[in-house]
Amino acid sequence: MTRESKTERRTTLWRLRRAAGAVALLLFSDPAAAADIKVGGYAKLDLIYSDRIAGGGGSKVAEFAGGASAVPVASDVDAKHGDAMVNARESRFNLTTTGESEGVKLKGFIEADFVTNEGSAYVSNSRGLRLRHAYGQATMGNGVFVLGGQYWSNFQNNEQFYNTVDFNGPAGQLYNRAPQLRVGWKGGGVTATVSTEQSAVLTPDGSIPAVLAQSPALPMFTGKVHYAVSGFSVQAAVAYTQNRATTDRVDAFGGQFGVEVPVPLGKPVTLQAYVSYLDGVNHLANGDFGDAAVVGTEVKNIRTTGGYAGATAQVAKKTAVSGYYGRREAARAVVSTGEDKLQESVHVNVVQKLWGGLEAGLEYQYGRRQQFDGQSGEMNRVQGAMWFYF
């Protein structure tokens, strides 16, 4: 290494330390409380081949992330081609600060990635940065804690996350981040939380309807209980808000239940299953279905039932094999055309740890989508990936 490159490296490290210190000062009002600062994340390369163009080529995120909601229907002639993609946009980085002040444990966390519709796949430095998480948390000695900022929705079953190579994950999942104020208690393997969160209303085509946006919905109110001991985990949650138009309002709510069970079969195996019922709050399930639509002057909620089941087997010290089946189905049609009735998916993958923070994975994905107007489509995808964790 040349003297100039050593100097550049020292300058870069110095700048990173200064930036980390500045973020710590923002996260904690008492600078002395920020006792530890950690930078983490990963660089990820995806190599993807699909026999149809996910999202019909109309969305860069849908084409990359895939998923059952992005499966083009058979009549979409623009999507009847194979689609190859080499991408690094899922790469992410985060900053964690921890400390203690007057017996209260403090934590701040910020994370960003590049999974946006901005930029071009053919121009370097073209992916837009987006905020994933940004929150601060204070935990008292009696187990009571307060969290404020943007984080996974309290309704989500993120304590029992699936293991897929692709970014989207199985159909029927819960997946939502929201600005929120959360209060909870943890002790004896039990965590109980309540939250007030930013809500949203999506129409079946994924847009925010102006007539609903003019009269914003209430915040989302949620409650969840989670119990975990010796690898066994069970949790349940409820959510409530209102979807409102100018002259009408309807209650919107959801409930979910999930379980994760370790099974001793010679090699460690973990089974996962979860189900949910959503009435007008489908944005909590990755926005794969709409929340509501205005029909005349009335707000009509879209009701869905969904979930997934799967397993991960640690077949060798550094090798894990996972498989999932997911499904979400709407109870009735709200609009006449273009509304999904059913989405389902299958994921099967193997992930191999290599050296240090380097991992490689290979996955087969199948997705199917059916609409109330009779249109349907299928898509097969093979995805390879490499992660370098730092």
Protein backbone atom coordinates (compact mmCIF):
# COMPACT_ATOMS: atom_id res chain seq x y z
CA MET A 1 0.00 0.00 0.00
CA THR A 2 1.41 3.40 -0.97
CA ARG A 3 1.87 6.27 1.46
CA GLU A 4 -0.88 8.19 -0.37
CA SER A 5 -3.35 5.30 -0.05
CA LYS A 6 -2.52 4.92 3.66
CA THR A 7 -3.18 8.61 4.15
CA GLU A 8 -6.47 8.36 2.25
CA ARG A 9 -7.51 5.38 4.38
CA ARG A 10 -6.72 7.20 7.62
CA THR A 11 -8.66 10.24 6.37
CA THR A 12 -11.66 8.06 5.43
CA LEU A 13 -11.69 6.30 8.81
CA TRP A 14 -11.43 9.66 10.58
CA ARG A 15 -14.40 10.97 8.60
CA LEU A 16 -16.43 7.83 9.38
CA ARG A 17 -15.71 8.20 13.09
CA ARG A 18 -16.74 11.86 13.00
CA ALA A 19 -19.96 10.98 11.16
CA ALA A 20 -20.73 8.20 13.64
CA GLY A 21 -20.11 10.54 16.54
CA ALA A 22 -22.42 13.16 15.02
CA VAL A 23 -25.22 10.60 14.63
CA ALA A 24 -24.70 9.46 18.22
CA LEU A 25 -25.11 13.03 19.44
CA LEU A 26 -28.38 13.27 17.52
CA LEU A 27 -29.69 10.00 18.91
CA PHE A 28 -28.82 10.71 22.52
CA SER A 29 -29.31 14.06 24.21
CA ASP A 30 -26.58 13.12 26.70
CA PRO A 31 -23.37 12.58 24.64
CA ALA A 32 -21.78 10.62 27.49
CA ALA A 33 -24.56 8.03 27.19
CA ALA A 34 -23.40 6.87 23.74
CA ALA A 35 -20.81 4.39 24.96
CA ASP A 36 -20.64 2.14 21.91
CA ILE A 37 -20.95 2.75 18.16
CA LYS A 38 -21.16 -0.08 15.62
CA VAL A 39 -21.32 0.05 11.82
CA GLY A 40 -22.84 -3.00 10.09
CA GLY A 41 -24.67 -4.25 7.03
CA TYR A 42 -23.85 -6.23 3.91
CA ALA A 43 -23.08 -5.98 0.22
CA LYS A 44 -25.29 -8.35 -1.80
CA LEU A 45 -25.11 -9.40 -5.43
CA ASP A 46 -28.20 -11.00 -7.02
CA LEU A 47 -28.19 -12.97 -10.28
CA ILE A 48 -31.79 -13.56 -11.36
CA TYR A 49 -33.48 -15.26 -14.27
CA SER A 50 -37.29 -15.24 -14.67
CA ASP A 51 -39.30 -16.86 -17.44
CA ARG A 52 -41.62 -13.80 -17.39
CA ILE A 53 -40.85 -10.13 -16.72
CA ALA A 54 -41.95 -9.52 -13.13
CA GLY A 55 -44.22 -6.50 -12.80
CA GLY A 56 -44.62 -6.40 -16.57
CA GLY A 57 -41.53 -4.19 -16.76
CA GLY A 58 -43.47 -1.25 -15.35
CA SER A 59 -41.67 -1.12 -11.99
CA LYS A 60 -37.95 -1.47 -11.38
CA VAL A 61 -38.61 -2.64 -7.81
CA ALA A 62 -41.17 -5.26 -8.90
CA GLU A 63 -38.85 -6.56 -11.62
CA PHE A 64 -36.06 -6.98 -9.08
CA ALA A 65 -38.02 -8.14 -6.02
CA GLY A 66 -40.53 -10.38 -7.82
CA GLY A 67 -43.11 -12.04 -5.62
CA ALA A 68 -46.59 -13.34 -6.38
CA SER A 69 -48.06 -9.83 -6.66
CA ALA A 70 -45.60 -9.06 -9.48
CA VAL A 71 -46.50 -12.12 -11.61
CA PRO A 72 -47.78 -10.83 -14.99
CA VAL A 73 -51.10 -12.20 -16.23
CA ALA A 74 -51.05 -14.35 -19.37
CA SER A 75 -52.57 -11.58 -21.50
CA ASP A 76 -49.67 -9.20 -20.74
CA VAL A 77 -47.81 -9.55 -24.06
CA ASP A 78 -45.05 -7.14 -22.97
CA ALA A 79 -44.05 -9.58 -20.20
CA LYS A 80 -43.91 -12.78 -22.28
CA HIS A 81 -40.12 -12.85 -22.41
CA GLY A 82 -37.43 -14.24 -20.19
CA ASP A 83 -35.70 -11.66 -18.00
CA ALA A 84 -32.10 -11.77 -16.72
CA MET A 85 -30.84 -9.34 -14.09
CA VAL A 86 -27.57 -8.79 -12.22
CA ASN A 87 -28.14 -6.40 -9.34
CA ALA A 88 -26.62 -5.13 -6.10
CA ARG A 89 -29.41 -2.81 -4.96
CA GLU A 90 -30.34 -4.82 -1.84
CA SER A 91 -26.97 -3.93 -0.28
CA ARG A 92 -27.47 -2.05 2.98
CA PHE A 93 -25.65 -0.46 5.87
CA ASN A 94 -26.61 0.50 9.39
CA LEU A 95 -25.35 2.35 12.42
CA THR A 96 -26.10 1.27 16.00
CA THR A 97 -25.33 3.29 19.11
CA THR A 98 -25.81 1.92 22.62
CA GLY A 99 -25.26 3.39 26.04
CA GLU A 100 -26.67 3.87 29.51
CA SER A 101 -27.73 6.97 31.44
CA GLU A 102 -29.12 7.06 34.99
CA GLY A 103 -29.79 3.31 34.90
CA VAL A 104 -31.69 3.49 31.58
CA LYS A 105 -30.30 1.51 28.62
CA LEU A 106 -30.31 3.49 25.39
CA LYS A 107 -30.16 2.34 21.80
CA GLY A 108 -30.28 4.19 18.48
CA PHE A 109 -30.43 2.51 15.09
CA ILE A 110 -30.38 3.84 11.49
CA GLU A 111 -30.45 1.62 8.38
CA ALA A 112 -30.67 2.34 4.65
CA ASP A 113 -30.63 0.39 1.38
CA PHE A 114 -31.03 1.13 -2.34
CA VAL A 115 -34.26 -0.67 -3.26
CA THR A 116 -36.05 2.21 -4.99
CA ASN A 117 -37.51 2.92 -8.43
CA GLU A 118 -34.97 5.70 -8.93
CA GLY A 119 -32.08 5.46 -11.36
CA SER A 120 -31.19 3.13 -14.20
CA ALA A 121 -29.78 -0.38 -14.20
CA TYR A 122 -27.30 0.68 -16.90
CA VAL A 123 -25.69 3.71 -15.25
CA SER A 124 -23.18 3.47 -12.40
CA ASN A 125 -24.03 5.15 -9.09
CA SER A 126 -27.68 5.16 -10.17
CA ARG A 127 -29.59 3.62 -7.27
CA GLY A 128 -31.38 5.98 -4.89
CA LEU A 129 -30.78 5.62 -1.16
CA ARG A 130 -33.86 5.02 0.99
CA LEU A 131 -34.51 4.92 4.73
CA ARG A 132 -35.44 1.53 6.19
CA HIS A 133 -35.22 2.04 9.94
CA ALA A 134 -34.46 5.02 12.16
CA TYR A 135 -35.41 4.82 15.83
CA GLY A 136 -34.31 5.36 19.39
CA GLN A 137 -35.18 3.09 22.32
CA ALA A 138 -34.97 3.53 26.08
CA THR A 139 -35.26 0.46 28.37
CA MET A 140 -35.80 0.79 32.13
CA GLY A 141 -34.50 -1.63 34.71
CA ASN A 142 -38.00 -3.09 35.29
CA GLY A 143 -38.26 -4.21 31.64
CA VAL A 144 -40.45 -1.34 30.43
CA PHE A 145 -39.23 0.23 27.18
CA VAL A 146 -40.21 3.03 24.83
CA LEU A 147 -39.37 3.09 21.11
CA GLY A 148 -39.86 6.05 18.79
CA GLY A 149 -39.08 6.34 15.08
CA GLN A 150 -39.45 4.21 11.96
CA TYR A 151 -39.31 0.45 12.53
CA TRP A 152 -41.14 -2.77 11.65
CA SER A 153 -44.85 -2.39 12.36
CA ASN A 154 -45.72 -3.72 15.79
CA PHE A 155 -48.34 -5.85 14.01
CA GLN A 156 -45.68 -7.71 12.02
CA ASN A 157 -44.32 -11.12 13.03
CA ASN A 158 -40.69 -10.05 12.56
CA GLU A 159 -39.64 -12.21 15.54
CA GLN A 160 -40.25 -15.23 13.27
CA PHE A 161 -38.78 -14.08 9.98
CA TYR A 162 -38.64 -16.39 6.95
CA ASN A 163 -35.34 -17.38 5.28
CA THR A 164 -35.54 -16.62 1.56
CA VAL A 165 -32.84 -15.55 -0.90
CA ASP A 166 -35.08 -13.15 -2.80
CA PHE A 167 -35.97 -9.75 -1.40
CA ASN A 168 -39.76 -10.08 -1.52
CA GLY A 169 -40.38 -13.29 0.44
CA PRO A 170 -43.40 -15.62 0.37
CA ALA A 171 -46.95 -14.70 -0.55
CA GLY A 172 -49.23 -14.17 2.43
CA GLN A 173 -46.52 -12.56 4.50
CA LEU A 174 -46.73 -9.54 6.79
CA TYR A 175 -44.20 -6.85 5.85
CA ASN A 176 -44.49 -3.19 6.79
CA ARG A 177 -42.32 -0.46 8.29
CA ALA A 178 -43.97 2.59 9.84
CA PRO A 179 -43.15 5.70 11.88
CA GLN A 180 -44.47 4.88 15.35
CA LEU A 181 -44.45 5.32 19.10
CA ARG A 182 -44.22 1.95 20.84
CA VAL A 183 -44.39 1.11 24.54
CA GLY A 184 -43.71 -2.37 25.88
CA TRP A 185 -42.53 -4.65 28.64
CA LYS A 186 -40.17 -7.62 28.45
CA GLY A 187 -39.48 -10.25 31.07
CA GLY A 188 -39.51 -14.02 31.59
CA GLY A 189 -39.57 -14.74 27.86
CA VAL A 190 -42.68 -12.56 27.35
CA THR A 191 -42.76 -9.30 25.39
CA ALA A 192 -45.99 -7.26 25.37
CA THR A 193 -46.23 -4.10 23.22
CA VAL A 194 -48.72 -1.48 22.06
CA SER A 195 -48.13 1.16 19.40
CA THR A 196 -49.52 4.16 17.56
CA GLU A 197 -48.35 4.10 13.93
CA GLN A 198 -48.73 5.98 10.67
CA SER A 199 -51.43 4.31 8.59
CA ALA A 200 -52.02 4.27 4.84
CA VAL A 201 -54.75 3.47 2.33
CA LEU A 202 -53.93 1.75 -0.96
CA THR A 203 -56.38 1.07 -3.79
CA PRO A 204 -56.33 -2.28 -5.65
CA ASP A 205 -53.92 -0.85 -8.26
CA GLY A 206 -51.47 0.20 -5.53
CA SER A 207 -52.09 3.95 -5.67
CA ILE A 208 -53.29 6.27 -2.89
CA PRO A 209 -56.78 7.46 -3.85
CA ALA A 210 -57.19 11.25 -3.72
CA VAL A 211 -60.67 11.04 -2.22
CA LEU A 212 -59.26 9.03 0.70
CA ALA A 213 -56.10 11.09 0.99
CA GLN A 214 -58.17 14.26 1.40
CA SER A 215 -59.52 12.87 4.67
CA PRO A 216 -56.63 10.94 6.22
CA ALA A 217 -57.26 7.77 8.15
CA LEU A 218 -56.73 7.54 11.88
CA PRO A 219 -53.33 6.38 13.08
CA MET A 220 -52.92 2.63 13.31
CA PHE A 221 -53.31 1.25 16.85
CA THR A 222 -51.73 -2.15 17.51
CA GLY A 223 -51.12 -4.60 20.33
CA LYS A 224 -48.93 -7.69 20.37
CA VAL A 225 -47.79 -10.43 22.77
CA HIS A 226 -44.74 -12.59 22.01
CA TYR A 227 -43.39 -15.54 24.04
CA ALA A 228 -40.06 -17.22 23.31
CA VAL A 229 -38.09 -19.89 25.17
CA SER A 230 -35.46 -22.44 24.04
CA GLY A 231 -36.08 -21.86 20.33
CA PHE A 232 -39.88 -22.08 20.65
CA SER A 233 -41.72 -18.88 19.77
CA VAL A 234 -45.38 -17.92 19.61
CA GLN A 235 -46.92 -14.51 19.01
CA ALA A 236 -50.24 -12.85 18.22
CA ALA A 237 -51.21 -9.28 17.33
CA VAL A 238 -54.22 -7.08 16.52
CA ALA A 239 -54.49 -3.76 14.66
CA TYR A 240 -57.21 -1.13 14.25
CA THR A 241 -57.71 2.06 12.22
CA GLN A 242 -60.36 3.66 9.99
CA ASN A 243 -60.55 4.09 6.23
CA ARG A 244 -62.38 7.32 5.50
CA ALA A 245 -63.60 9.16 2.42
CA THR A 246 -65.27 12.57 2.31
CA THR A 247 -68.70 11.36 3.40
CA ASP A 248 -68.08 7.81 4.64
CA ARG A 249 -65.86 5.94 7.07
CA VAL A 250 -65.43 2.26 7.91
CA ASP A 251 -63.53 0.40 10.58
CA ALA A 252 -60.38 -1.37 9.39
CA PHE A 253 -58.66 -4.03 11.44
CA GLY A 254 -56.52 -7.16 11.42
CA GLY A 255 -55.40 -10.10 13.49
CA GLN A 256 -52.47 -12.47 13.12
CA PHE A 257 -50.96 -15.50 14.84
CA GLY A 258 -47.60 -17.18 14.30
CA VAL A 259 -45.54 -20.01 15.77
CA GLU A 260 -41.95 -21.21 15.38
CA VAL A 261 -40.97 -24.65 16.66
CA PRO A 262 -37.54 -26.35 16.79
CA VAL A 263 -37.64 -30.07 15.92
CA PRO A 264 -34.74 -32.41 16.86
CA LEU A 265 -34.33 -34.68 13.84
CA GLY A 266 -30.63 -35.45 14.04
CA LYS A 267 -29.99 -32.12 12.32
CA PRO A 268 -31.55 -28.90 13.69
CA VAL A 269 -34.87 -28.15 11.96
CA THR A 270 -37.11 -25.14 12.60
CA LEU A 271 -40.77 -25.14 11.54
CA GLN A 272 -42.65 -21.87 10.95
CA ALA A 273 -46.33 -21.13 10.37
CA TYR A 274 -48.47 -18.00 10.55
CA VAL A 275 -51.95 -16.88 9.52
CA SER A 276 -53.63 -13.46 9.34
CA TYR A 277 -56.99 -11.90 8.59
CA LEU A 278 -56.96 -8.32 7.26
CA ASP A 279 -60.02 -6.14 6.72
CA GLY A 280 -58.96 -2.90 5.00
CA VAL A 281 -55.34 -3.00 6.24
CA ASN A 282 -53.58 -5.01 3.53
CA HIS A 283 -50.71 -2.50 3.35
CA LEU A 284 -49.51 -4.35 6.48
CA ALA A 285 -49.05 -7.41 4.24
CA ASN A 286 -46.46 -5.84 1.92
CA GLY A 287 -49.17 -3.94 0.03
CA ASP A 288 -49.72 -6.99 -2.19
CA PHE A 289 -53.48 -6.35 -2.05
CA GLY A 290 -55.23 -2.99 -1.85
CA ASP A 291 -56.81 -1.71 1.37
CA ALA A 292 -60.01 -0.13 0.10
CA ALA A 293 -61.77 1.57 -2.78
CA VAL A 294 -64.45 4.22 -3.04
CA VAL A 295 -67.58 2.92 -4.77
CA GLY A 296 -69.97 5.82 -5.34
CA THR A 297 -69.69 7.61 -2.00
CA GLU A 298 -68.99 4.50 0.08
CA VAL A 299 -65.65 3.12 1.25
CA LYS A 300 -65.38 -0.62 0.59
CA ASN A 301 -62.66 -2.51 2.45
CA ILE A 302 -60.76 -5.34 0.78
CA ARG A 303 -60.71 -8.40 3.04
CA THR A 304 -58.00 -11.04 2.76
CA THR A 305 -56.87 -14.18 4.57
CA GLY A 306 -53.30 -15.37 4.20
CA GLY A 307 -50.20 -16.93 5.66
CA TYR A 308 -47.27 -19.17 4.98
CA ALA A 309 -45.68 -22.35 6.30
CA GLY A 310 -42.13 -23.57 5.94
CA ALA A 311 -39.03 -25.07 7.45
CA THR A 312 -35.29 -24.50 7.67
CA ALA A 313 -32.93 -27.45 8.16
CA GLN A 314 -29.29 -27.01 9.17
CA VAL A 315 -28.07 -29.96 7.12
CA ALA A 316 -24.39 -29.23 7.82
CA LYS A 317 -22.41 -26.85 10.01
CA LYS A 318 -22.35 -24.18 7.29
CA THR A 319 -25.25 -25.30 5.08
CA ALA A 320 -28.95 -24.52 5.53
CA VAL A 321 -31.88 -25.63 3.33
CA SER A 322 -35.25 -23.82 3.51
CA GLY A 323 -38.64 -24.17 1.85
CA TYR A 324 -41.87 -22.12 2.09
CA TYR A 325 -45.38 -22.13 0.69
CA GLY A 326 -47.34 -18.85 0.95
CA ARG A 327 -50.86 -17.82 0.00
CA ARG A 328 -53.23 -14.84 0.34
CA GLU A 329 -56.80 -14.69 -0.98
CA ALA A 330 -59.39 -11.91 -1.10
CA ALA A 331 -62.91 -12.66 0.11
CA ARG A 332 -64.77 -10.64 -2.53
CA ALA A 333 -64.27 -8.20 -5.39
CA VAL A 334 -64.57 -4.48 -4.68
CA VAL A 335 -63.80 -3.06 -8.14
CA SER A 336 -64.75 -4.60 -11.48
CA THR A 337 -61.40 -5.30 -13.15
CA GLY A 338 -57.74 -5.74 -12.28
CA GLU A 339 -58.32 -6.82 -8.67
CA ASP A 340 -56.42 -9.85 -7.40
CA LYS A 341 -58.35 -12.77 -5.95
CA LEU A 342 -55.43 -15.09 -5.15
CA GLN A 343 -51.65 -14.95 -4.82
CA GLU A 344 -49.48 -17.94 -3.95
CA SER A 345 -45.78 -18.80 -4.04
CA VAL A 346 -43.21 -21.53 -3.41
CA HIS A 347 -39.59 -20.91 -2.36
CA VAL A 348 -36.88 -23.58 -2.05
CA ASN A 349 -33.27 -22.59 -1.35
CA VAL A 350 -29.87 -23.53 -0.03
CA VAL A 351 -27.53 -21.07 1.70
CA GLN A 352 -23.84 -21.86 2.22
CA LYS A 353 -21.54 -20.00 4.59
CA LEU A 354 -18.07 -19.65 3.01
CA TRP A 355 -15.32 -17.64 4.69
CA GLY A 356 -15.75 -15.00 7.34
CA GLY A 357 -18.77 -12.87 6.46
CA LEU A 358 -19.16 -14.32 2.94
CA GLU A 359 -22.24 -16.42 2.09
CA ALA A 360 -23.76 -17.78 -1.12
CA GLY A 361 -27.32 -18.87 -1.88
CA LEU A 362 -29.36 -20.46 -4.66
CA GLU A 363 -33.16 -20.44 -4.80
CA TYR A 364 -36.04 -21.60 -7.00
CA GLN A 365 -39.25 -19.54 -6.83
CA TYR A 366 -42.70 -20.18 -8.26
CA GLY A 367 -45.46 -17.56 -8.21
CA ARG A 368 -49.08 -17.60 -9.33
CA ARG A 369 -51.66 -14.81 -9.42
CA GLN A 370 -55.38 -14.95 -10.24
CA GLN A 371 -57.79 -12.03 -10.65
CA PHE A 372 -61.55 -11.81 -10.06
CA ASP A 373 -62.08 -11.06 -13.77
CA GLY A 374 -60.66 -14.50 -14.67
CA GLN A 375 -57.17 -13.45 -15.76
CA SER A 376 -54.23 -15.32 -14.24
CA GLY A 377 -50.51 -15.85 -14.66
CA GLU A 378 -47.57 -17.95 -13.50
CA MET A 379 -43.85 -17.21 -13.19
CA ASN A 380 -40.74 -19.28 -12.47
CA ARG A 381 -37.53 -17.71 -11.21
CA VAL A 382 -34.03 -18.91 -10.34
CA GLN A 383 -31.94 -16.64 -8.16
CA GLY A 384 -28.34 -16.86 -7.06
CA ALA A 385 -26.88 -14.49 -4.49
CA MET A 386 -23.72 -13.63 -2.61
CA TRP A 387 -23.61 -11.65 0.65
CA PHE A 388 -20.59 -10.09 2.29
CA TYR A 389 -21.47 -9.07 5.86
CA PHE A 390 -19.42 -6.42 7.59
